PDB file of N, CA and C in Angstrom:
ATOM      1  N   MET A   1       0.846  -1.169   0.000  1.00  0.00           N
ATOM      2  CA  MET A   1       0.000   0.000   0.000  1.00  0.00           C
ATOM      3  C   MET A   1       0.899   1.241   0.000  1.00  0.00           C
ATOM      4  N   THR A   2       0.590   2.185  -0.836  1.00  0.00           N
ATOM      5  CA  THR A   2       1.354   3.434  -0.848  1.00  0.00           C
ATOM      6  C   THR A   2       0.942   4.285   0.354  1.00  0.00           C
ATOM      7  N   MET A   3       1.783   5.247   0.684  1.00  0.00           N
ATOM      8  CA  MET A   3       1.428   6.164   1.769  1.00  0.00           C
ATOM      9  C   MET A   3       0.181   6.959   1.393  1.00  0.00           C
ATOM     10  N   GLU A   4       0.093   7.348   0.120  1.00  0.00           N
ATOM     11  CA  GLU A   4      -1.091   8.097  -0.335  1.00  0.00           C
ATOM     12  C   GLU A   4      -2.360   7.283  -0.111  1.00  0.00           C
ATOM     13  N   LYS A   5      -2.304   6.012  -0.457  1.00  0.00           N
ATOM     14  CA  LYS A   5      -3.455   5.120  -0.255  1.00  0.00           C
ATOM     15  C   LYS A   5      -3.740   4.962   1.237  1.00  0.00           C
ATOM     16  N   ALA A   6      -2.701   4.842   2.042  1.00  0.00           N
ATOM     17  CA  ALA A   6      -2.883   4.712   3.486  1.00  0.00           C
ATOM     18  C   ALA A   6      -3.554   5.958   4.049  1.00  0.00           C
ATOM     19  N   GLN A   7      -3.121   7.124   3.597  1.00  0.00           N
ATOM     20  CA  GLN A   7      -3.731   8.365   4.087  1.00  0.00           C
ATOM     21  C   GLN A   7      -5.205   8.439   3.686  1.00  0.00           C
ATOM     22  N   THR A   8      -5.523   7.987   2.480  1.00  0.00           N
ATOM     23  CA  THR A   8      -6.918   7.979   2.026  1.00  0.00           C
ATOM     24  C   THR A   8      -7.748   7.002   2.840  1.00  0.00           C
ATOM     25  N   GLU A   9      -7.211   5.810   3.067  1.00  0.00           N
ATOM     26  CA  GLU A   9      -7.962   4.798   3.812  1.00  0.00           C
ATOM     27  C   GLU A   9      -8.195   5.207   5.262  1.00  0.00           C
ATOM     28  N   VAL A  10      -7.199   5.806   5.893  1.00  0.00           N
ATOM     29  CA  VAL A  10      -7.383   6.281   7.270  1.00  0.00           C
ATOM     30  C   VAL A  10      -8.440   7.380   7.294  1.00  0.00           C
ATOM     31  N   ASP A  11      -8.395   8.285   6.334  1.00  0.00           N
ATOM     32  CA  ASP A  11      -9.396   9.359   6.271  1.00  0.00           C
ATOM     33  C   ASP A  11     -10.797   8.787   6.109  1.00  0.00           C
ATOM     34  N   GLN A  12     -10.945   7.800   5.245  1.00  0.00           N
ATOM     35  CA  GLN A  12     -12.252   7.163   5.053  1.00  0.00           C
ATOM     36  C   GLN A  12     -12.708   6.451   6.321  1.00  0.00           C
ATOM     37  N   TRP A  13     -11.776   5.810   7.020  1.00  0.00           N
ATOM     38  CA  TRP A  13     -12.119   5.123   8.268  1.00  0.00           C
ATOM     39  C   TRP A  13     -12.605   6.123   9.307  1.00  0.00           C
ATOM     40  N   ILE A  14     -11.876   7.233   9.439  1.00  0.00           N
ATOM     41  CA  ILE A  14     -12.267   8.264  10.402  1.00  0.00           C
ATOM     42  C   ILE A  14     -13.673   8.755  10.099  1.00  0.00           C
ATOM     43  N   LYS A  15     -13.955   9.028   8.852  1.00  0.00           N
ATOM     44  CA  LYS A  15     -15.273   9.557   8.465  1.00  0.00           C
ATOM     45  C   LYS A  15     -16.385   8.532   8.668  1.00  0.00           C
ATOM     46  N   LYS A  16     -16.065   7.235   8.512  1.00  0.00           N
ATOM     47  CA  LYS A  16     -17.081   6.197   8.665  1.00  0.00           C
ATOM     48  C   LYS A  16     -17.281   5.780  10.119  1.00  0.00           C
ATOM     49  N   TYR A  17     -16.186   5.600  10.861  1.00  0.00           N
ATOM     50  CA  TYR A  17     -16.276   5.055  12.212  1.00  0.00           C
ATOM     51  C   TYR A  17     -15.910   6.040  13.314  1.00  0.00           C
ATOM     52  N   GLY A  18     -15.089   6.999  13.002  1.00  0.00           N
ATOM     53  CA  GLY A  18     -14.561   7.867  14.043  1.00  0.00           C
ATOM     54  C   GLY A  18     -15.312   9.174  14.230  1.00  0.00           C
ATOM     55  N   VAL A  19     -16.330   9.415  13.426  1.00  0.00           N
ATOM     56  CA  VAL A  19     -17.139  10.633  13.444  1.00  0.00           C
ATOM     57  C   VAL A  19     -16.326  11.821  12.923  1.00  0.00           C
ATOM     58  N   ARG A  20     -15.187  12.098  13.559  1.00  0.00           N
ATOM     59  CA  ARG A  20     -14.305  13.194  13.132  1.00  0.00           C
ATOM     60  C   ARG A  20     -12.919  12.925  13.707  1.00  0.00           C
ATOM     61  N   TYR A  21     -11.946  13.675  13.220  1.00  0.00           N
ATOM     62  CA  TYR A  21     -10.602  13.579  13.780  1.00  0.00           C
ATOM     63  C   TYR A  21     -10.601  14.197  15.179  1.00  0.00           C
ATOM     64  N   PHE A  22      -9.827  13.617  16.076  1.00  0.00           N
ATOM     65  CA  PHE A  22      -9.547  14.297  17.337  1.00  0.00           C
ATOM     66  C   PHE A  22      -8.723  15.527  17.006  1.00  0.00           C
ATOM     67  N   SER A  23      -8.612  16.447  17.927  1.00  0.00           N
ATOM     68  CA  SER A  23      -7.789  17.633  17.682  1.00  0.00           C
ATOM     69  C   SER A  23      -6.340  17.221  17.470  1.00  0.00           C
ATOM     70  N   GLU A  24      -5.579  18.100  16.845  1.00  0.00           N
ATOM     71  CA  GLU A  24      -4.161  17.830  16.623  1.00  0.00           C
ATOM     72  C   GLU A  24      -3.435  17.607  17.951  1.00  0.00           C
ATOM     73  N   LEU A  25      -3.785  18.377  18.954  1.00  0.00           N
ATOM     74  CA  LEU A  25      -3.145  18.216  20.262  1.00  0.00           C
ATOM     75  C   LEU A  25      -3.477  16.854  20.860  1.00  0.00           C
ATOM     76  N   THR A  26      -4.733  16.460  20.798  1.00  0.00           N
ATOM     77  CA  THR A  26      -5.120  15.144  21.310  1.00  0.00           C
ATOM     78  C   THR A  26      -4.393  14.043  20.552  1.00  0.00           C
ATOM     79  N   ASN A  27      -4.319  14.165  19.224  1.00  0.00           N
ATOM     80  CA  ASN A  27      -3.626  13.140  18.439  1.00  0.00           C
ATOM     81  C   ASN A  27      -2.134  13.107  18.738  1.00  0.00           C
ATOM     82  N   MET A  28      -1.543  14.254  19.044  1.00  0.00           N
ATOM     83  CA  MET A  28      -0.123  14.258  19.418  1.00  0.00           C
ATOM     84  C   MET A  28       0.086  13.497  20.720  1.00  0.00           C
ATOM     85  N   VAL A  29      -0.816  13.689  21.657  1.00  0.00           N
ATOM     86  CA  VAL A  29      -0.740  12.959  22.927  1.00  0.00           C
ATOM     87  C   VAL A  29      -0.960  11.467  22.684  1.00  0.00           C
ATOM     88  N   LEU A  30      -1.922  11.135  21.827  1.00  0.00           N
ATOM     89  CA  LEU A  30      -2.159   9.723  21.507  1.00  0.00           C
ATOM     90  C   LEU A  30      -0.957   9.101  20.814  1.00  0.00           C
ATOM     91  N   LEU A  31      -0.295   9.850  19.941  1.00  0.00           N
ATOM     92  CA  LEU A  31       0.906   9.354  19.279  1.00  0.00           C
ATOM     93  C   LEU A  31       1.993   9.055  20.309  1.00  0.00           C
ATOM     94  N   THR A  32       2.156   9.956  21.253  1.00  0.00           N
ATOM     95  CA  THR A  32       3.141   9.755  22.319  1.00  0.00           C
ATOM     96  C   THR A  32       2.807   8.497  23.125  1.00  0.00           C
ATOM     97  N   GLU A  33       1.539   8.314  23.426  1.00  0.00           N
ATOM     98  CA  GLU A  33       1.092   7.125  24.156  1.00  0.00           C
ATOM     99  C   GLU A  33       1.401   5.849  23.371  1.00  0.00           C
ATOM    100  N   GLU A  34       1.100   5.864  22.083  1.00  0.00           N
ATOM    101  CA  GLU A  34       1.341   4.678  21.254  1.00  0.00           C
ATOM    102  C   GLU A  34       2.835   4.377  21.121  1.00  0.00           C
ATOM    103  N   VAL A  35       3.657   5.417  20.992  1.00  0.00           N
ATOM    104  CA  VAL A  35       5.105   5.210  20.931  1.00  0.00           C
ATOM    105  C   VAL A  35       5.589   4.601  22.248  1.00  0.00           C
ATOM    106  N   GLY A  36       5.009   5.031  23.355  1.00  0.00           N
ATOM    107  CA  GLY A  36       5.363   4.454  24.660  1.00  0.00           C
ATOM    108  C   GLY A  36       5.023   2.978  24.737  1.00  0.00           C
ATOM    109  N   GLU A  37       3.864   2.591  24.189  1.00  0.00           N
ATOM    110  CA  GLU A  37       3.484   1.178  24.186  1.00  0.00           C
ATOM    111  C   GLU A  37       4.437   0.363  23.309  1.00  0.00           C
ATOM    112  N   LEU A  38       4.839   0.935  22.189  1.00  0.00           N
ATOM    113  CA  LEU A  38       5.819   0.286  21.327  1.00  0.00           C
ATOM    114  C   LEU A  38       7.158   0.145  22.056  1.00  0.00           C
ATOM    115  N   ALA A  39       7.576   1.201  22.722  1.00  0.00           N
ATOM    116  CA  ALA A  39       8.842   1.178  23.467  1.00  0.00           C
ATOM    117  C   ALA A  39       8.813   0.111  24.560  1.00  0.00           C
ATOM    118  N   ARG A  40       7.673  -0.049  25.204  1.00  0.00           N
ATOM    119  CA  ARG A  40       7.547  -1.046  26.266  1.00  0.00           C
ATOM    120  C   ARG A  40       7.817  -2.449  25.728  1.00  0.00           C
ATOM    121  N   ILE A  41       7.227  -2.763  24.589  1.00  0.00           N
ATOM    122  CA  ILE A  41       7.426  -4.091  24.000  1.00  0.00           C
ATOM    123  C   ILE A  41       8.882  -4.276  23.568  1.00  0.00           C
ATOM    124  N   ILE A  42       9.460  -3.251  22.948  1.00  0.00           N
ATOM    125  CA  ILE A  42      10.855  -3.352  22.508  1.00  0.00           C
ATOM    126  C   ILE A  42      11.788  -3.505  23.704  1.00  0.00           C
ATOM    127  N   ALA A  43      11.538  -2.747  24.775  1.00  0.00           N
ATOM    128  CA  ALA A  43      12.383  -2.830  25.970  1.00  0.00           C
ATOM    129  C   ALA A  43      12.350  -4.224  26.587  1.00  0.00           C
ATOM    130  N   ARG A  44      11.196  -4.863  26.527  1.00  0.00           N
ATOM    131  CA  ARG A  44      11.060  -6.170  27.142  1.00  0.00           C
ATOM    132  C   ARG A  44      11.449  -7.305  26.205  1.00  0.00           C
ATOM    133  N   THR A  45      11.357  -7.083  24.912  1.00  0.00           N
ATOM    134  CA  THR A  45      11.723  -8.116  23.947  1.00  0.00           C
ATOM    135  C   THR A  45      13.217  -8.103  23.647  1.00  0.00           C
ATOM    136  N   TYR A  46      13.784  -6.907  23.504  1.00  0.00           N
ATOM    137  CA  TYR A  46      15.184  -6.788  23.081  1.00  0.00           C
ATOM    138  C   TYR A  46      16.095  -6.218  24.168  1.00  0.00           C
ATOM    139  N   GLY A  47      15.511  -5.665  25.209  1.00  0.00           N
ATOM    140  CA  GLY A  47      16.298  -5.082  26.286  1.00  0.00           C
ATOM    141  C   GLY A  47      16.372  -6.001  27.488  1.00  0.00           C
ATOM    142  N   GLU A  48      16.768  -5.447  28.599  1.00  0.00           N
ATOM    143  CA  GLU A  48      16.983  -6.240  29.806  1.00  0.00           C
ATOM    144  C   GLU A  48      15.718  -6.454  30.637  1.00  0.00           C
ATOM    145  N   GLN A  49      14.679  -5.685  30.381  1.00  0.00           N
ATOM    146  CA  GLN A  49      13.458  -5.862  31.168  1.00  0.00           C
ATOM    147  C   GLN A  49      12.702  -7.101  30.711  1.00  0.00           C
ATOM    148  N   SER A  50      11.860  -7.613  31.590  1.00  0.00           N
ATOM    149  CA  SER A  50      11.047  -8.779  31.244  1.00  0.00           C
ATOM    150  C   SER A  50       9.571  -8.412  31.338  1.00  0.00           C
ATOM    151  N   PHE A  51       8.749  -9.211  30.661  1.00  0.00           N
ATOM    152  CA  PHE A  51       7.307  -9.014  30.726  1.00  0.00           C
ATOM    153  C   PHE A  51       6.783  -9.508  32.071  1.00  0.00           C
ATOM    154  N   LYS A  52       5.722  -8.888  32.543  1.00  0.00           N
ATOM    155  CA  LYS A  52       5.030  -9.391  33.724  1.00  0.00           C
ATOM    156  C   LYS A  52       4.235 -10.622  33.306  1.00  0.00           C
ATOM    157  N   GLU A  53       3.903 -11.450  34.279  1.00  0.00           N
ATOM    158  CA  GLU A  53       3.183 -12.685  33.983  1.00  0.00           C
ATOM    159  C   GLU A  53       1.857 -12.437  33.284  1.00  0.00           C
ATOM    160  N   ASN A  54       1.174 -11.357  33.623  1.00  0.00           N
ATOM    161  CA  ASN A  54      -0.158 -11.106  33.072  1.00  0.00           C
ATOM    162  C   ASN A  54      -0.142 -10.233  31.811  1.00  0.00           C
ATOM    163  N   GLU A  55       1.034  -9.920  31.277  1.00  0.00           N
ATOM    164  CA  GLU A  55       1.115  -9.114  30.055  1.00  0.00           C
ATOM    165  C   GLU A  55       0.954 -10.025  28.835  1.00  0.00           C
ATOM    166  N   ASN A  56      -0.204  -9.947  28.212  1.00  0.00           N
ATOM    167  CA  ASN A  56      -0.493 -10.817  27.078  1.00  0.00           C
ATOM    168  C   ASN A  56      -0.356 -10.107  25.729  1.00  0.00           C
ATOM    169  N   ASP A  57      -0.569  -8.784  25.696  1.00  0.00           N
ATOM    170  CA  ASP A  57      -0.521  -8.043  24.439  1.00  0.00           C
ATOM    171  C   ASP A  57       0.918  -7.656  24.133  1.00  0.00           C
ATOM    172  N   ARG A  58       1.587  -8.477  23.335  1.00  0.00           N
ATOM    173  CA  ARG A  58       3.003  -8.271  23.034  1.00  0.00           C
ATOM    174  C   ARG A  58       3.237  -8.136  21.528  1.00  0.00           C
ATOM    175  N   SER A  59       2.272  -7.635  20.794  1.00  0.00           N
ATOM    176  CA  SER A  59       2.381  -7.583  19.342  1.00  0.00           C
ATOM    177  C   SER A  59       3.127  -6.339  18.882  1.00  0.00           C
ATOM    178  N   LEU A  60       4.372  -6.531  18.492  1.00  0.00           N
ATOM    179  CA  LEU A  60       5.195  -5.446  17.989  1.00  0.00           C
ATOM    180  C   LEU A  60       4.557  -4.839  16.735  1.00  0.00           C
ATOM    181  N   ALA A  61       4.093  -5.680  15.830  1.00  0.00           N
ATOM    182  CA  ALA A  61       3.474  -5.207  14.588  1.00  0.00           C
ATOM    183  C   ALA A  61       2.228  -4.375  14.875  1.00  0.00           C
ATOM    184  N   ASN A  62       1.414  -4.815  15.812  1.00  0.00           N
ATOM    185  CA  ASN A  62       0.195  -4.088  16.156  1.00  0.00           C
ATOM    186  C   ASN A  62       0.514  -2.712  16.732  1.00  0.00           C
ATOM    187  N   GLU A  63       1.516  -2.642  17.584  1.00  0.00           N
ATOM    188  CA  GLU A  63       1.893  -1.353  18.166  1.00  0.00           C
ATOM    189  C   GLU A  63       2.485  -0.417  17.110  1.00  0.00           C
ATOM    190  N   MET A  64       3.274  -0.967  16.188  1.00  0.00           N
ATOM    191  CA  MET A  64       3.801  -0.140  15.100  1.00  0.00           C
ATOM    192  C   MET A  64       2.660   0.392  14.233  1.00  0.00           C
ATOM    193  N   ALA A  65       1.673  -0.445  13.977  1.00  0.00           N
ATOM    194  CA  ALA A  65       0.513  -0.012  13.182  1.00  0.00           C
ATOM    195  C   ALA A  65      -0.275   1.077  13.912  1.00  0.00           C
ATOM    196  N   ASP A  66      -0.392   0.967  15.236  1.00  0.00           N
ATOM    197  CA  ASP A  66      -1.069   2.017  16.007  1.00  0.00           C
ATOM    198  C   ASP A  66      -0.336   3.349  15.877  1.00  0.00           C
ATOM    199  N   VAL A  67       0.993   3.310  15.952  1.00  0.00           N
ATOM    200  CA  VAL A  67       1.805   4.528  15.801  1.00  0.00           C
ATOM    201  C   VAL A  67       1.574   5.120  14.415  1.00  0.00           C
ATOM    202  N   LEU A  68       1.632   4.278  13.404  1.00  0.00           N
ATOM    203  CA  LEU A  68       1.460   4.737  12.031  1.00  0.00           C
ATOM    204  C   LEU A  68       0.062   5.325  11.807  1.00  0.00           C
ATOM    205  N   PHE A  69      -0.954   4.692  12.363  1.00  0.00           N
ATOM    206  CA  PHE A  69      -2.326   5.178  12.217  1.00  0.00           C
ATOM    207  C   PHE A  69      -2.468   6.600  12.761  1.00  0.00           C
ATOM    208  N   VAL A  70      -1.981   6.826  13.965  1.00  0.00           N
ATOM    209  CA  VAL A  70      -2.122   8.158  14.567  1.00  0.00           C
ATOM    210  C   VAL A  70      -1.258   9.178  13.816  1.00  0.00           C
ATOM    211  N   LEU A  71      -0.075   8.766  13.369  1.00  0.00           N
ATOM    212  CA  LEU A  71       0.764   9.666  12.582  1.00  0.00           C
ATOM    213  C   LEU A  71       0.064  10.056  11.282  1.00  0.00           C
ATOM    214  N   ILE A  72      -0.582   9.099  10.644  1.00  0.00           N
ATOM    215  CA  ILE A  72      -1.337   9.391   9.426  1.00  0.00           C
ATOM    216  C   ILE A  72      -2.492  10.338   9.730  1.00  0.00           C
ATOM    217  N   CYS A  73      -3.163  10.147  10.854  1.00  0.00           N
ATOM    218  CA  CYS A  73      -4.232  11.081  11.244  1.00  0.00           C
ATOM    219  C   CYS A  73      -3.686  12.505  11.339  1.00  0.00           C
ATOM    220  N   LEU A  74      -2.551  12.655  12.007  1.00  0.00           N
ATOM    221  CA  LEU A  74      -1.939  13.980  12.141  1.00  0.00           C
ATOM    222  C   LEU A  74      -1.564  14.560  10.780  1.00  0.00           C
ATOM    223  N   ALA A  75      -1.019  13.733   9.912  1.00  0.00           N
ATOM    224  CA  ALA A  75      -0.660  14.202   8.571  1.00  0.00           C
ATOM    225  C   ALA A  75      -1.903  14.657   7.809  1.00  0.00           C
ATOM    226  N   ASN A  76      -2.959  13.863   7.872  1.00  0.00           N
ATOM    227  CA  ASN A  76      -4.194  14.216   7.171  1.00  0.00           C
ATOM    228  C   ASN A  76      -4.760  15.540   7.654  1.00  0.00           C
ATOM    229  N   GLN A  77      -4.795  15.732   8.947  1.00  0.00           N
ATOM    230  CA  GLN A  77      -5.436  16.941   9.458  1.00  0.00           C
ATOM    231  C   GLN A  77      -4.557  18.181   9.371  1.00  0.00           C
ATOM    232  N   THR A  78      -3.274  17.996   9.098  1.00  0.00           N
ATOM    233  CA  THR A  78      -2.389  19.158   8.947  1.00  0.00           C
ATOM    234  C   THR A  78      -1.961  19.367   7.496  1.00  0.00           C
ATOM    235  N   GLY A  79      -2.483  18.555   6.582  1.00  0.00           N
ATOM    236  CA  GLY A  79      -2.206  18.737   5.165  1.00  0.00           C
ATOM    237  C   GLY A  79      -0.845  18.252   4.698  1.00  0.00           C
ATOM    238  N   VAL A  80      -0.257  17.308   5.423  1.00  0.00           N
ATOM    239  CA  VAL A  80       1.055  16.774   5.041  1.00  0.00           C
ATOM    240  C   VAL A  80       0.856  15.540   4.166  1.00  0.00           C
ATOM    241  N   ASN A  81       1.493  15.543   3.003  1.00  0.00           N
ATOM    242  CA  ASN A  81       1.525  14.374   2.130  1.00  0.00           C
ATOM    243  C   ASN A  81       2.728  13.545   2.576  1.00  0.00           C
ATOM    244  N   LEU A  82       2.480  12.467   3.293  1.00  0.00           N
ATOM    245  CA  LEU A  82       3.572  11.671   3.863  1.00  0.00           C
ATOM    246  C   LEU A  82       4.452  11.023   2.801  1.00  0.00           C
ATOM    247  N   GLU A  83       3.869  10.660   1.683  1.00  0.00           N
ATOM    248  CA  GLU A  83       4.668  10.044   0.621  1.00  0.00           C
ATOM    249  C   GLU A  83       5.708  11.040   0.099  1.00  0.00           C
ATOM    250  N   GLU A  84       5.276  12.267  -0.160  1.00  0.00           N
ATOM    251  CA  GLU A  84       6.200  13.304  -0.621  1.00  0.00           C
ATOM    252  C   GLU A  84       7.190  13.689   0.477  1.00  0.00           C
ATOM    253  N   ALA A  85       6.697  13.789   1.693  1.00  0.00           N
ATOM    254  CA  ALA A  85       7.574  14.158   2.812  1.00  0.00           C
ATOM    255  C   ALA A  85       8.678  13.121   2.999  1.00  0.00           C
ATOM    256  N   LEU A  86       8.333  11.840   2.889  1.00  0.00           N
ATOM    257  CA  LEU A  86       9.334  10.791   3.048  1.00  0.00           C
ATOM    258  C   LEU A  86      10.358  10.823   1.916  1.00  0.00           C
ATOM    259  N   LYS A  87       9.884  11.025   0.686  1.00  0.00           N
ATOM    260  CA  LYS A  87      10.803  11.130  -0.456  1.00  0.00           C
ATOM    261  C   LYS A  87      11.789  12.273  -0.239  1.00  0.00           C
ATOM    262  N   GLU A  88      11.281  13.427   0.156  1.00  0.00           N
ATOM    263  CA  GLU A  88      12.140  14.591   0.402  1.00  0.00           C
ATOM    264  C   GLU A  88      13.108  14.327   1.550  1.00  0.00           C
ATOM    265  N   ASN A  89      12.635  13.658   2.579  1.00  0.00           N
ATOM    266  CA  ASN A  89      13.478  13.362   3.728  1.00  0.00           C
ATOM    267  C   ASN A  89      14.607  12.403   3.362  1.00  0.00           C
ATOM    268  N   LEU A  90      14.303  11.406   2.541  1.00  0.00           N
ATOM    269  CA  LEU A  90      15.334  10.463   2.107  1.00  0.00           C
ATOM    270  C   LEU A  90      16.375  11.148   1.226  1.00  0.00           C
ATOM    271  N   LEU A  91      15.935  12.061   0.375  1.00  0.00           N
ATOM    272  CA  LEU A  91      16.884  12.831  -0.440  1.00  0.00           C
ATOM    273  C   LEU A  91      17.803  13.663   0.443  1.00  0.00           C
ATOM    274  N   LYS A  92      17.219  14.339   1.420  1.00  0.00           N
ATOM    275  CA  LYS A  92      18.003  15.154   2.354  1.00  0.00           C
ATOM    276  C   LYS A  92      19.036  14.298   3.081  1.00  0.00           C
ATOM    277  N   LYS A  93      18.601  13.170   3.595  1.00  0.00           N
ATOM    278  CA  LYS A  93      19.508  12.282   4.331  1.00  0.00           C
ATOM    279  C   LYS A  93      20.591  11.717   3.416  1.00  0.00           C
ATOM    280  N   SER A  94      20.231  11.401   2.179  1.00  0.00           N
ATOM    281  CA  SER A  94      21.200  10.845   1.237  1.00  0.00           C
ATOM    282  C   SER A  94      22.306  11.842   0.935  1.00  0.00           C
ATOM    283  N   LYS A  95      21.940  13.097   0.777  1.00  0.00           N
ATOM    284  CA  LYS A  95      22.950  14.137   0.526  1.00  0.00           C
ATOM    285  C   LYS A  95      23.779  14.399   1.777  1.00  0.00           C
ATOM    286  N   ARG A  96      23.119  14.595   2.886  1.00  0.00           N
ATOM    287  CA  ARG A  96      23.793  14.947   4.131  1.00  0.00           C
ATOM    288  C   ARG A  96      24.677  13.821   4.655  1.00  0.00           C
ATOM    289  N   ASP A  97      24.216  12.603   4.505  1.00  0.00           N
ATOM    290  CA  ASP A  97      24.894  11.465   5.122  1.00  0.00           C
ATOM    291  C   ASP A  97      25.573  10.547   4.104  1.00  0.00           C
ATOM    292  N   ALA A  98      25.893  11.099   2.928  1.00  0.00           N
ATOM    293  CA  ALA A  98      26.453  10.272   1.850  1.00  0.00           C
ATOM    294  C   ALA A  98      27.642   9.434   2.313  1.00  0.00           C
ATOM    295  N   THR A  99      28.517  10.005   3.125  1.00  0.00           N
ATOM    296  CA  THR A  99      29.676   9.242   3.609  1.00  0.00           C
ATOM    297  C   THR A  99      29.772   9.236   5.132  1.00  0.00           C
ATOM    298  N   ARG A 100      28.893   9.940   5.767  1.00  0.00           N
ATOM    299  CA  ARG A 100      28.959  10.103   7.229  1.00  0.00           C
ATOM    300  C   ARG A 100      29.005   8.774   7.965  1.00  0.00           C
ATOM    301  N   HIS A 101      28.113   7.859   7.650  1.00  0.00           N
ATOM    302  CA  HIS A 101      28.035   6.596   8.382  1.00  0.00           C
ATOM    303  C   HIS A 101      29.163   5.643   7.999  1.00  0.00           C
ATOM    304  N   GLN A 102      29.569   5.664   6.718  1.00  0.00           N
ATOM    305  CA  GLN A 102      30.687   4.818   6.297  1.00  0.00           C
ATOM    306  C   GLN A 102      31.979   5.239   6.982  1.00  0.00           C
ATOM    307  N   ASN A 103      32.098   6.524   7.294  1.00  0.00           N
ATOM    308  CA  ASN A 103      33.306   7.039   7.926  1.00  0.00           C
ATOM    309  C   ASN A 103      33.244   7.084   9.452  1.00  0.00           C
ATOM    310  N   ASN A 104      32.187   6.569  10.009  1.00  0.00           N
ATOM    311  CA  ASN A 104      32.011   6.575  11.464  1.00  0.00           C
ATOM    312  C   ASN A 104      32.686   5.331  12.062  1.00  0.00           C
ATOM    313  N   PRO A 105      33.773   5.533  12.792  1.00  0.00           N
ATOM    314  CA  PRO A 105      34.486   4.368  13.364  1.00  0.00           C
ATOM    315  C   PRO A 105      33.629   3.604  14.385  1.00  0.00           C
ATOM    316  N   LYS A 106      32.631   4.251  14.940  1.00  0.00           N
ATOM    317  CA  LYS A 106      31.774   3.571  15.916  1.00  0.00           C
ATOM    318  C   LYS A 106      30.901   2.493  15.256  1.00  0.00           C
ATOM    319  N   LEU A 107      30.730   2.595  13.944  1.00  0.00           N
ATOM    320  CA  LEU A 107      29.875   1.637  13.245  1.00  0.00           C
ATOM    321  C   LEU A 107      30.654   0.503  12.608  1.00  0.00           C
ATOM    322  N   LYS A 108      31.947   0.487  12.773  1.00  0.00           N
ATOM    323  CA  LYS A 108      32.776  -0.569  12.154  1.00  0.00           C
ATOM    324  C   LYS A 108      32.891  -1.764  13.051  1.00  0.00           C
TER     325      LYS A 108
END
């Protein structure tokens, strides 16, 4: 699915099931919450922390999708074309970091 298609589908979902978008501020808080849930799973799966016995929801993919959904909501309501933004961002990084990482002794 392209980002453009994802933005369209999220917009259609909001209009059909969500009544309307939450405010940008509310969605920013929700995005922060979702990133925290993603961080929790990563910390316990790949870090030193362990899951509690009663923690059953450990879906990394589901948490990533939640983050993406709220980010798409924010993009839709602020007029950001994520597909174009990502293309521009990759171009910027490619120019800026053309040799930066290859020359970083910490990455060898």
